[in-house]
Protein backbone atom coordinates (compact mmCIF):
# COMPACT_ATOMS: atom_id res chain seq x y z
CA MET A 1 3.90 -13.11 -60.83
CA GLY A 2 1.54 -10.58 -62.35
CA GLY A 3 0.69 -10.30 -66.00
CA ASP A 4 -3.04 -10.82 -65.53
CA GLU A 5 -4.11 -8.12 -68.00
CA PRO A 6 -1.95 -9.25 -70.96
CA LEU A 7 -2.64 -12.93 -70.25
CA THR A 8 -6.39 -12.31 -70.05
CA ALA A 9 -6.21 -10.46 -73.38
CA LEU A 10 -4.18 -13.27 -74.97
CA ARG A 11 -6.64 -15.89 -73.81
CA ALA A 12 -9.46 -13.84 -75.30
CA LEU A 13 -7.73 -14.09 -78.71
CA ALA A 14 -7.22 -17.85 -78.50
CA PRO A 15 -9.55 -20.32 -80.23
CA PRO A 16 -11.06 -23.23 -78.27
CA GLY A 17 -8.50 -25.91 -77.52
CA LEU A 18 -5.54 -23.54 -77.34
CA SER A 19 -4.03 -23.16 -73.86
CA CYS A 20 -2.23 -19.93 -72.95
CA ALA A 21 -0.06 -19.13 -69.93
CA GLY A 22 2.30 -16.32 -69.07
CA GLY A 23 3.27 -13.40 -66.92
CA ALA A 24 6.32 -11.60 -65.63
CA ILE A 25 9.74 -13.19 -66.12
CA PRO A 26 10.84 -14.47 -62.68
CA VAL A 27 14.39 -13.68 -61.57
CA ASP A 28 15.05 -16.94 -59.73
CA ILE A 29 13.43 -19.65 -61.84
CA VAL A 30 15.25 -23.02 -62.17
CA LEU A 31 15.28 -25.33 -65.20
CA PRO A 32 14.36 -28.81 -63.92
CA TYR A 33 15.60 -30.75 -66.97
CA ALA A 34 19.24 -31.18 -67.97
CA ILE A 35 18.48 -31.02 -71.69
CA GLU A 36 17.01 -27.55 -71.21
CA ALA A 37 19.81 -26.34 -68.93
CA ARG A 38 22.45 -27.44 -71.46
CA ALA A 39 20.81 -25.31 -74.14
CA VAL A 40 21.64 -22.11 -72.23
CA THR A 41 24.87 -23.14 -70.48
CA ASP A 42 26.84 -20.35 -72.12
CA ALA A 43 24.03 -17.79 -72.26
CA ARG A 44 23.92 -14.57 -70.31
CA ASP A 45 21.72 -14.35 -67.22
CA LYS A 46 19.02 -12.39 -69.06
CA ARG A 47 18.77 -15.01 -71.80
CA ARG A 48 18.71 -17.85 -69.26
CA ARG A 49 15.82 -16.18 -67.41
CA GLU A 50 13.87 -15.66 -70.64
CA PHE A 51 14.49 -19.26 -71.70
CA ALA A 52 13.52 -20.66 -68.30
CA ALA A 53 10.38 -18.53 -68.14
CA GLY A 54 9.31 -19.79 -71.54
CA ARG A 55 9.63 -23.40 -70.40
CA PHE A 56 7.92 -22.65 -67.09
CA TYR A 57 4.90 -21.13 -68.78
CA ALA A 58 4.92 -23.78 -71.53
CA ARG A 59 4.54 -26.47 -68.89
CA GLN A 60 1.71 -24.49 -67.29
CA ALA A 61 -0.06 -24.31 -70.65
CA MET A 62 0.54 -28.00 -71.36
CA ALA A 63 -0.73 -28.98 -67.91
CA ALA A 64 -4.04 -27.28 -68.69
CA LEU A 65 -4.33 -29.67 -71.64
CA GLY A 66 -3.55 -32.66 -69.45
CA VAL A 67 0.00 -33.04 -70.80
CA PRO A 68 2.41 -34.32 -68.10
CA PRO A 69 5.43 -32.16 -67.15
CA GLN A 70 8.31 -32.77 -69.55
CA PRO A 71 11.16 -30.88 -71.17
CA VAL A 72 10.78 -28.51 -74.09
CA ALA A 73 14.15 -28.82 -75.76
CA VAL A 74 15.61 -26.70 -78.58
CA LEU A 75 15.75 -27.42 -82.31
CA PRO A 76 18.80 -26.48 -84.41
CA SER A 77 16.78 -23.47 -85.61
CA ARG A 78 16.55 -22.39 -81.92
CA ALA A 79 12.77 -22.88 -81.98
CA PRO A 80 11.19 -24.93 -79.18
CA ALA A 81 11.16 -28.71 -79.68
CA TRP A 82 7.66 -29.48 -78.48
CA PRO A 83 6.84 -32.91 -77.04
CA GLU A 84 5.11 -35.42 -79.29
CA GLY A 85 1.46 -34.58 -79.73
CA VAL A 86 1.94 -30.89 -78.90
CA VAL A 87 2.40 -27.74 -80.97
CA GLY A 88 3.00 -24.31 -79.57
CA SER A 89 4.78 -20.99 -79.60
CA LEU A 90 6.64 -18.85 -77.07
CA ALA A 91 7.08 -15.08 -76.93
CA HIS A 92 8.80 -12.68 -74.59
CA THR A 93 9.75 -9.07 -74.09
CA ASP A 94 12.37 -7.91 -71.60
CA ALA A 95 9.88 -8.27 -68.75
CA TRP A 96 7.11 -10.63 -69.90
CA CYS A 97 6.82 -14.14 -71.30
CA PHE A 98 3.90 -16.09 -72.77
CA ALA A 99 3.20 -19.56 -74.14
CA ALA A 100 0.39 -20.78 -76.39
CA VAL A 101 0.03 -24.55 -76.73
CA GLY A 102 -2.39 -26.92 -78.43
CA ARG A 103 -2.64 -30.58 -79.31
CA SER A 104 -1.27 -31.53 -82.72
CA ASP A 105 -4.46 -33.37 -83.63
CA GLU A 106 -6.29 -30.03 -83.30
CA PHE A 107 -3.67 -27.56 -84.62
CA LEU A 108 -1.01 -27.85 -87.32
CA GLY A 109 0.74 -24.75 -86.07
CA VAL A 110 0.73 -21.87 -83.61
CA GLY A 111 2.44 -18.50 -83.88
CA LEU A 112 2.63 -16.07 -80.96
CA ASP A 113 4.48 -12.81 -80.49
CA ALA A 114 4.58 -10.08 -77.86
CA GLU A 115 6.11 -6.64 -78.34
CA VAL A 116 6.19 -3.44 -76.31
CA ALA A 117 3.43 -1.17 -77.59
CA ALA A 118 5.63 1.76 -78.60
CA PRO A 119 6.58 3.33 -81.93
CA LEU A 120 9.64 1.83 -83.61
CA SER A 121 12.60 3.89 -84.73
CA ASP A 122 12.55 5.00 -88.35
CA GLU A 123 15.38 2.58 -89.11
CA VAL A 124 13.59 -0.43 -87.63
CA ALA A 125 10.25 0.60 -89.13
CA ALA A 126 11.85 0.66 -92.60
CA LEU A 127 13.23 -2.85 -91.99
CA VAL A 128 9.88 -4.24 -90.81
CA CYS A 129 7.48 -2.61 -93.26
CA SER A 130 7.58 -1.69 -96.91
CA ALA A 131 7.00 1.91 -97.95
CA ASP A 132 3.42 1.01 -98.91
CA GLU A 133 2.81 -0.58 -95.50
CA ARG A 134 4.26 2.44 -93.69
CA ARG A 135 1.95 4.74 -95.63
CA ALA A 136 -1.04 2.59 -94.65
CA LEU A 137 -0.14 2.27 -90.96
CA SER A 138 0.26 4.86 -88.22
CA ALA A 139 3.55 4.92 -86.30
CA ASP A 140 1.94 3.03 -83.42
CA LEU A 141 0.61 0.32 -85.73
CA ILE A 142 4.01 -0.44 -87.19
CA ALA A 143 4.83 -2.09 -83.85
CA TRP A 144 1.65 -4.13 -84.35
CA ALA A 145 2.89 -5.09 -87.82
CA PHE A 146 6.19 -6.21 -86.26
CA ALA A 147 4.30 -8.51 -83.86
CA ALA A 148 2.04 -9.81 -86.61
CA LYS A 149 4.95 -10.72 -88.89
CA GLU A 150 6.82 -12.41 -86.05
CA ALA A 151 3.72 -14.44 -85.16
CA PHE A 152 3.34 -15.48 -88.79
CA TYR A 153 6.97 -16.59 -88.99
CA LYS A 154 6.56 -18.73 -85.86
CA LEU A 155 3.54 -20.39 -87.44
CA TYR A 156 5.18 -20.86 -90.83
CA HIS A 157 8.78 -21.86 -90.22
CA PRO A 158 8.37 -25.04 -88.12
CA ARG A 159 6.25 -26.63 -90.85
CA VAL A 160 7.84 -25.21 -94.00
CA ALA A 161 11.46 -24.92 -92.76
CA ARG A 162 11.98 -21.70 -94.68
CA PHE A 163 13.57 -18.57 -93.23
CA LEU A 164 11.79 -15.32 -94.12
CA GLU A 165 12.61 -11.65 -94.35
CA PHE A 166 10.14 -9.05 -93.10
CA SER A 167 9.69 -8.00 -96.73
CA ASP A 168 8.41 -11.49 -97.60
CA VAL A 169 5.19 -10.84 -95.68
CA ARG A 170 2.69 -8.00 -95.95
CA VAL A 171 0.19 -7.36 -93.17
CA GLN A 172 -3.09 -5.50 -92.95
CA ILE A 173 -4.45 -4.70 -89.49
CA ASP A 174 -8.06 -4.20 -88.44
CA VAL A 175 -7.74 -2.65 -84.97
CA PRO A 176 -11.45 -2.48 -84.03
CA ARG A 177 -11.94 -6.19 -84.82
CA GLN A 178 -8.58 -7.19 -83.29
CA ARG A 179 -7.64 -9.00 -86.48
CA PHE A 180 -4.89 -8.95 -89.06
CA GLN A 181 -4.13 -10.63 -92.35
CA ALA A 182 -0.65 -11.79 -93.34
CA SER A 183 0.05 -12.27 -97.04
CA LEU A 184 3.10 -14.30 -98.02
CA ARG A 185 4.94 -13.46 -101.23
CA PRO A 186 3.30 -15.65 -103.89
CA ASP A 187 6.61 -17.05 -105.17
CA LEU A 188 7.49 -18.50 -101.73
CA PRO A 189 6.47 -21.99 -100.53
CA ALA A 190 2.87 -22.12 -99.37
CA PHE A 191 1.71 -23.23 -95.93
CA GLU A 192 -0.95 -25.91 -96.37
CA GLY A 193 -1.55 -24.60 -99.88
CA CYS A 194 -2.17 -21.04 -98.70
CA HIS A 195 -0.42 -17.69 -99.06
CA VAL A 196 -2.91 -15.58 -97.06
CA PHE A 197 -3.45 -16.14 -93.35
CA PRO A 198 -5.75 -14.67 -90.67
CA GLY A 199 -4.53 -13.67 -87.23
CA ARG A 200 -5.73 -12.06 -84.02
CA ILE A 201 -4.04 -9.05 -82.41
CA THR A 202 -4.61 -6.76 -79.46
CA THR A 203 -2.88 -4.56 -76.92
CA ALA A 204 -2.96 -4.88 -73.13
CA GLY A 205 -0.72 -3.83 -70.26
CA GLY A 206 1.58 -1.89 -72.58
CA LEU A 207 2.12 -4.89 -74.87
CA VAL A 208 1.04 -5.85 -78.38
CA LEU A 209 -0.01 -9.51 -78.57
CA ALA A 210 -0.35 -11.27 -81.94
CA LEU A 211 -1.61 -14.83 -82.30
CA MET A 212 -2.04 -17.14 -85.29
CA THR A 213 -3.25 -20.74 -85.38
CA TRP A 214 -3.92 -23.24 -88.14
CA PRO A 215 -6.46 -26.01 -87.52
CA ALA A 216 -5.57 -29.62 -88.20
CA ALA A 217 -8.82 -30.25 -90.02
C-alpha cells in the first residue's frame, strides 16, 4: 500500500513503546465491526475510506503492541474511542493515513497530525497563526505550525475535554532538530499541570508529520 517513506519518518519520531502504522488510503477496505460501520453509515465515500483506513492502521499498530483485534469506536466529540488500556491518535490527508498507539500505563496521551507540505493560503495562514507567528515563520513553515497545533489539540482534548482555537496555542519550530514547542494560553486549563509542551516534527514524502506524547510517569 506504499507510504514507506512517511511511515519510516514517523517511526523515527516516536519514543520507545509507541507503535506507528500507516500508508496510502485503500479504496476497497471493509470495516469488520458493526459499531464502526454505523458511525459512517451516512458519510460520503471519501469519508468512509478515511475512517476505515484509520481503523485498519490502528489495528495494525495495536497488534504490534500485542493488543488483540477489536473495534475503535467514535466518541461524541468524533475522536476515536480507544479500547481499554490503549491511547492513540489518527491522522490523514486526502491520500494517506497514519495511526500512533501506546499503552495507557506508558502514555497519558498521544497527538498525531499529517498535512501536505505546501504553503497555506493567506486566509488560512491568518487563521492558523498569529501575526507574530507569521513573522517568525516562513510560508512553508506555517503548514508545519498547522500540523503542530493539530497534534497538540489531539493530545490535549481527550484528557481535558476543552475545545481550542488555533489562537489558543503558539508554536515555535526547530527544523534542524525536528522539534517544536507548543505553548497553551496561560488562562486555559493545564494538561497535567503544564502549559508548555514538546513535540517532534518532520517532513517526508511530501507530508508534514507532527507527533506529541505525554508519558504516564
